[in-house]
Amino acid sequence: MNQNTDPTRGWVWHPEVKNHYRQEYDGGTSSQTGTPYGLSSKPAPIPAMFLPPSLLNHWPRDRGLVRRDSLAPSVPSDLHGVAAGGLGETIRGEQEEIDSESLDPGYMIQSRRFFTQGRMFSVLFTEPCGETTDPGRHVDNISTVMFGQRVFSNIRRFIVVKEGRGFAYACPVSTYGGRATTKRGLDPQQHAIVYIAGTYPQYVAGEQRLQKVPIPINPSAGSVTLSEASRINFAIHHPIQHNVKVKDLGIVHPDYIPTLISYARNESGF
């Protein structure tokens, strides 16, 4: 067969990932539009986490994977997560659908108008595991990703405090395991009680009085509830991208939105 017409030329079969790949140099080669001989018209994608280090400079034929060569587009620097005490980790949407346990159908991608100041929502949140995390306690919530690193995933709640272009800053709401601000290491005065409008805000046993007034939530449905230990942490702001699937929980009572924004600004300086 003539080398110039050989459809397999330039493609290499990798037995570990059971797919073809080709070398892609920084100078850029012409993209492959055909299908190598012996492959189906739409080969299965190779999950990036399964690529061995020797292939990190190869670009798989499946364009659904993240490019790792120097020509790949960069992520805007203003959307990178920053350590605690300011911005939290950026929560990004998925570029491709992957096989996983299904979320509640109530989780969906919302329009940018959804992410208005005061909006409360829940989202599947993933963050690196701490060195002291006990895998036995959260075995179903821990996954191993690239480079053997472990991540912890769970459903978390947030309230939008600032709108952006394609994303919004949101403060986390947590019960801290039912301990509220009595949890060791917290600054209670960076928090406020969050409760359902029409009910009464409450402190947990041993909790000191908070300087910030409680924030009432108008729920999106009667099934939405909040534990009496729910607290919003105004000291942490997570950038939440608009293409993340979220579930609407409600919105801060209109009379308290100026208070919400004031607290967020005072703690963050934005």
Protein backbone atom coordinates (compact mmCIF):
# COMPACT_ATOMS: atom_id res chain seq x y z
CA MET A 1 0.00 0.00 0.00
CA ASN A 2 1.25 3.50 -0.83
CA GLN A 3 2.39 5.26 2.37
CA ASN A 4 0.65 8.47 1.31
CA THR A 5 -2.72 6.71 1.17
CA ASP A 6 -2.30 4.40 4.17
CA PRO A 7 -5.15 5.38 6.58
CA THR A 8 -3.24 3.97 9.58
CA ARG A 9 -0.18 6.12 9.00
CA GLY A 10 0.65 8.27 12.01
CA TRP A 11 -1.65 6.38 14.38
CA VAL A 12 -0.35 4.10 17.14
CA TRP A 13 -2.36 1.50 19.07
CA HIS A 14 -1.91 1.72 22.84
CA PRO A 15 -2.88 -1.54 24.62
CA GLU A 16 -3.30 0.06 28.07
CA VAL A 17 -6.02 2.46 26.99
CA LYS A 18 -7.25 0.29 24.07
CA ASN A 19 -7.36 3.10 21.55
CA HIS A 20 -5.25 4.80 18.87
CA TYR A 21 -3.33 8.02 19.38
CA ARG A 22 -0.99 10.14 17.30
CA GLN A 23 1.92 12.45 18.08
CA GLU A 24 1.00 16.16 18.13
CA TYR A 25 3.95 18.56 18.10
CA ASP A 26 4.01 22.11 19.44
CA GLY A 27 4.39 23.40 15.92
CA GLY A 28 1.04 21.83 15.09
CA THR A 29 0.31 19.16 12.50
CA SER A 30 -2.68 18.96 10.23
CA SER A 31 -5.64 17.50 12.13
CA GLN A 32 -6.75 13.95 11.35
CA THR A 33 -10.25 13.87 9.89
CA GLY A 34 -10.40 10.27 8.74
CA THR A 35 -10.81 7.08 10.78
CA PRO A 36 -7.81 4.70 11.14
CA TYR A 37 -8.28 1.34 9.47
CA GLY A 38 -9.96 -1.16 11.78
CA LEU A 39 -11.57 1.43 14.07
CA SER A 40 -15.27 2.20 14.26
CA SER A 41 -16.41 5.57 12.95
CA LYS A 42 -16.66 6.89 16.52
CA PRO A 43 -14.07 5.27 18.81
CA ALA A 44 -14.68 5.35 22.55
CA PRO A 45 -13.02 8.32 24.27
CA ILE A 46 -9.97 7.73 26.44
CA PRO A 47 -10.52 9.20 29.91
CA ALA A 48 -7.64 11.59 30.54
CA MET A 49 -7.07 10.12 34.00
CA PHE A 50 -6.14 6.78 32.38
CA LEU A 51 -3.44 8.19 30.11
CA PRO A 52 0.04 7.13 31.31
CA PRO A 53 2.70 9.86 31.73
CA SER A 54 4.35 8.81 28.47
CA LEU A 55 1.26 10.00 26.59
CA LEU A 56 0.86 13.40 28.21
CA ASN A 57 2.34 15.03 25.08
CA HIS A 58 0.06 13.07 22.76
CA TRP A 59 -3.30 14.38 21.70
CA PRO A 60 -5.95 11.59 21.41
CA ARG A 61 -8.05 11.61 18.31
CA ASP A 62 -11.19 12.13 20.41
CA ARG A 63 -11.50 15.92 20.65
CA GLY A 64 -13.71 15.58 23.76
CA LEU A 65 -10.61 15.19 25.94
CA VAL A 66 -8.68 18.06 27.44
CA ARG A 67 -5.69 19.08 25.33
CA ARG A 68 -2.38 18.96 27.14
CA ASP A 69 -0.08 20.48 24.50
CA SER A 70 1.21 24.05 24.52
CA LEU A 71 -1.42 25.15 22.02
CA ALA A 72 -4.29 24.38 24.40
CA PRO A 73 -6.38 27.43 25.45
CA SER A 74 -5.68 28.72 28.93
CA VAL A 75 -8.22 29.13 31.75
CA PRO A 76 -8.90 32.80 32.67
CA SER A 77 -6.79 33.62 35.71
CA ASP A 78 -9.66 35.41 37.46
CA LEU A 79 -11.58 32.13 37.74
CA HIS A 80 -8.90 30.15 39.55
CA GLY A 81 -9.78 29.23 43.12
CA VAL A 82 -7.77 30.82 45.91
CA ALA A 83 -7.03 29.46 49.36
CA ALA A 84 -9.35 29.95 52.35
CA GLY A 85 -9.59 33.44 53.79
CA GLY A 86 -10.80 34.78 50.45
CA LEU A 87 -11.87 32.89 47.36
CA GLY A 88 -12.67 29.20 47.54
CA GLU A 89 -12.11 26.63 44.82
CA THR A 90 -13.74 27.39 41.48
CA ILE A 91 -16.65 25.08 40.71
CA ARG A 92 -16.65 24.37 36.97
CA GLY A 93 -19.06 22.62 34.64
CA GLU A 94 -18.24 19.38 32.87
CA GLN A 95 -17.17 19.59 29.23
CA GLU A 96 -18.38 16.08 28.48
CA GLU A 97 -20.91 13.72 30.04
CA ILE A 98 -19.32 10.81 31.93
CA ASP A 99 -20.71 7.66 33.45
CA SER A 100 -21.61 8.33 37.09
CA GLU A 101 -24.36 7.95 39.62
CA SER A 102 -27.30 10.11 38.55
CA LEU A 103 -28.09 13.35 40.33
CA ASP A 104 -31.57 14.31 41.45
CA PRO A 105 -33.48 15.51 38.32
CA GLY A 106 -33.85 18.84 40.12
CA TYR A 107 -30.19 19.55 39.35
CA MET A 108 -29.93 21.36 36.04
CA ILE A 109 -27.96 24.03 34.21
CA GLN A 110 -29.60 27.38 34.85
CA SER A 111 -29.52 30.64 32.90
CA ARG A 112 -27.30 33.47 34.12
CA ARG A 113 -30.41 35.24 35.44
CA PHE A 114 -30.78 32.46 38.00
CA PHE A 115 -27.53 33.46 39.72
CA THR A 116 -28.82 36.71 41.16
CA GLN A 117 -27.69 38.05 44.52
CA GLY A 118 -29.40 36.17 47.34
CA ARG A 119 -30.07 32.99 45.34
CA MET A 120 -29.60 29.82 47.39
CA PHE A 121 -28.82 26.54 45.64
CA SER A 122 -27.15 23.17 46.15
CA VAL A 123 -24.45 21.68 43.92
CA LEU A 124 -22.26 18.59 43.71
CA PHE A 125 -19.00 19.87 45.19
CA THR A 126 -15.61 18.16 44.84
CA GLU A 127 -12.44 19.14 46.70
CA PRO A 128 -9.08 17.53 47.56
CA CYS A 129 -9.07 15.22 50.58
CA GLY A 130 -7.12 16.38 53.59
CA GLU A 131 -4.25 14.26 54.84
CA THR A 132 -6.28 13.36 57.94
CA THR A 133 -9.45 12.34 56.07
CA ASP A 134 -10.64 8.92 57.21
CA PRO A 135 -11.56 6.98 54.02
CA GLY A 136 -13.52 4.48 56.10
CA ARG A 137 -16.05 7.11 57.16
CA HIS A 138 -16.78 8.45 53.66
CA VAL A 139 -15.91 5.50 51.42
CA ASP A 140 -18.70 6.32 48.93
CA ASN A 141 -17.69 9.99 48.72
CA ILE A 142 -13.99 9.55 47.94
CA SER A 143 -12.59 9.01 44.43
CA THR A 144 -9.04 8.57 43.15
CA VAL A 145 -8.14 10.81 40.22
CA MET A 146 -4.97 11.64 38.26
CA PHE A 147 -1.58 11.14 39.91
CA GLY A 148 -3.17 8.97 42.60
CA GLN A 149 -4.74 11.94 44.35
CA ARG A 150 -7.99 11.53 46.30
CA VAL A 151 -10.96 13.90 46.14
CA PHE A 152 -14.04 14.15 48.33
CA SER A 153 -17.47 14.81 46.77
CA ASN A 154 -20.72 15.76 48.45
CA ILE A 155 -23.74 18.01 48.02
CA ARG A 156 -23.17 21.51 49.39
CA ARG A 157 -25.30 24.65 49.58
CA PHE A 158 -24.37 28.20 48.62
CA ILE A 159 -25.85 31.70 48.50
CA VAL A 160 -24.88 34.11 45.70
CA VAL A 161 -23.34 37.36 46.97
CA LYS A 162 -21.85 38.81 43.77
CA GLU A 163 -22.63 38.35 40.08
CA GLY A 164 -19.94 37.99 37.41
CA ARG A 165 -19.61 37.30 33.68
CA GLY A 166 -20.24 33.59 33.23
CA PHE A 167 -19.94 32.88 36.94
CA ALA A 168 -21.06 34.12 40.35
CA TYR A 169 -19.41 34.36 43.75
CA ALA A 170 -21.26 32.44 46.45
CA CYS A 171 -20.76 31.90 50.18
CA PRO A 172 -21.09 28.35 51.56
CA VAL A 173 -23.82 27.30 53.98
CA SER A 174 -22.91 24.50 56.37
CA THR A 175 -24.03 22.92 59.64
CA TYR A 176 -20.44 21.85 60.46
CA GLY A 177 -21.69 18.41 61.36
CA GLY A 178 -24.53 19.83 63.45
CA ARG A 179 -22.10 21.82 65.60
CA ALA A 180 -22.73 25.19 63.91
CA THR A 181 -20.09 27.74 64.99
CA THR A 182 -19.08 25.70 68.04
CA LYS A 183 -16.79 23.72 65.72
CA ARG A 184 -13.18 24.15 66.74
CA GLY A 185 -11.13 26.53 64.58
CA LEU A 186 -14.02 28.66 63.29
CA ASP A 187 -14.45 32.39 63.76
CA PRO A 188 -18.13 32.57 64.79
CA GLN A 189 -18.38 36.27 63.94
CA GLN A 190 -17.74 35.55 60.25
CA HIS A 191 -21.03 33.64 60.21
CA ALA A 192 -24.77 34.24 60.39
CA ILE A 193 -27.72 31.94 61.00
CA VAL A 194 -29.62 30.92 57.86
CA TYR A 195 -33.22 29.80 58.35
CA ILE A 196 -36.51 29.33 56.48
CA ALA A 197 -38.69 32.46 56.54
CA GLY A 198 -41.70 31.88 58.78
CA THR A 199 -39.71 29.78 61.26
CA TYR A 200 -37.48 30.94 64.10
CA PRO A 201 -33.67 31.16 63.95
CA GLN A 202 -32.02 29.10 66.67
CA TYR A 203 -28.64 28.59 68.29
CA VAL A 204 -27.23 25.16 69.11
CA ALA A 205 -26.14 24.23 72.62
CA GLY A 206 -22.98 26.07 73.67
CA GLU A 207 -22.96 28.45 70.69
CA GLN A 208 -22.08 32.07 71.41
CA ARG A 209 -24.34 34.85 70.23
CA LEU A 210 -23.51 36.02 66.70
CA GLN A 211 -23.14 39.70 65.85
CA LYS A 212 -24.59 39.27 62.37
CA VAL A 213 -28.39 39.14 62.16
CA PRO A 214 -30.02 35.87 60.96
CA ILE A 215 -30.71 35.63 57.20
CA PRO A 216 -34.19 34.32 56.24
CA ILE A 217 -34.70 32.27 53.06
CA ASN A 218 -37.88 32.20 50.98
CA PRO A 219 -37.82 28.51 49.90
CA SER A 220 -38.39 27.49 46.27
CA ALA A 221 -40.67 24.65 47.41
CA GLY A 222 -42.35 23.44 50.57
CA SER A 223 -40.00 20.47 50.69
CA VAL A 224 -36.95 22.70 51.22
CA THR A 225 -35.78 22.61 54.83
CA LEU A 226 -32.77 23.88 56.77
CA SER A 227 -31.21 22.46 59.91
CA GLU A 228 -31.20 24.77 62.92
CA ALA A 229 -27.38 24.53 62.75
CA SER A 230 -27.17 26.04 59.22
CA ARG A 231 -24.68 28.92 59.06
CA ILE A 232 -23.46 31.03 56.15
CA ASN A 233 -19.72 31.73 56.12
CA PHE A 234 -19.14 35.22 54.70
CA ALA A 235 -15.35 34.82 54.79
CA ILE A 236 -15.25 32.33 51.88
CA HIS A 237 -16.42 33.11 48.35
CA HIS A 238 -16.49 30.34 45.74
CA PRO A 239 -16.60 31.22 42.01
CA ILE A 240 -19.48 29.12 40.64
CA GLN A 241 -19.58 28.78 36.86
CA HIS A 242 -22.98 29.09 35.22
CA ASN A 243 -22.60 25.78 33.34
CA VAL A 244 -22.67 23.74 36.56
CA LYS A 245 -25.81 21.74 37.36
CA VAL A 246 -27.45 23.22 40.46
CA LYS A 247 -30.70 22.79 42.36
CA ASP A 248 -32.78 25.82 43.31
CA LEU A 249 -33.43 26.04 47.06
CA GLY A 250 -34.86 29.54 47.25
CA ILE A 251 -33.73 33.13 47.68
CA VAL A 252 -32.93 35.45 50.57
CA HIS A 253 -35.92 37.51 51.70
CA PRO A 254 -35.78 40.80 49.71
CA ASP A 255 -35.60 42.90 52.88
CA TYR A 256 -32.37 41.15 53.89
CA ILE A 257 -30.45 41.15 50.59
CA PRO A 258 -28.73 44.51 51.33
CA THR A 259 -27.64 43.08 54.69
CA LEU A 260 -26.34 39.92 52.99
CA ILE A 261 -24.27 41.93 50.50
CA SER A 262 -22.94 44.24 53.21
CA TYR A 263 -21.73 41.30 55.31
CA ALA A 264 -20.04 39.69 52.29
CA ARG A 265 -18.25 42.92 51.36
CA ASN A 266 -17.09 43.57 54.90
CA GLU A 267 -15.56 40.10 55.20
CA SER A 268 -14.01 39.89 51.72
CA GLY A 269 -13.25 43.49 50.80
CA PHE A 270 -14.71 43.20 47.27
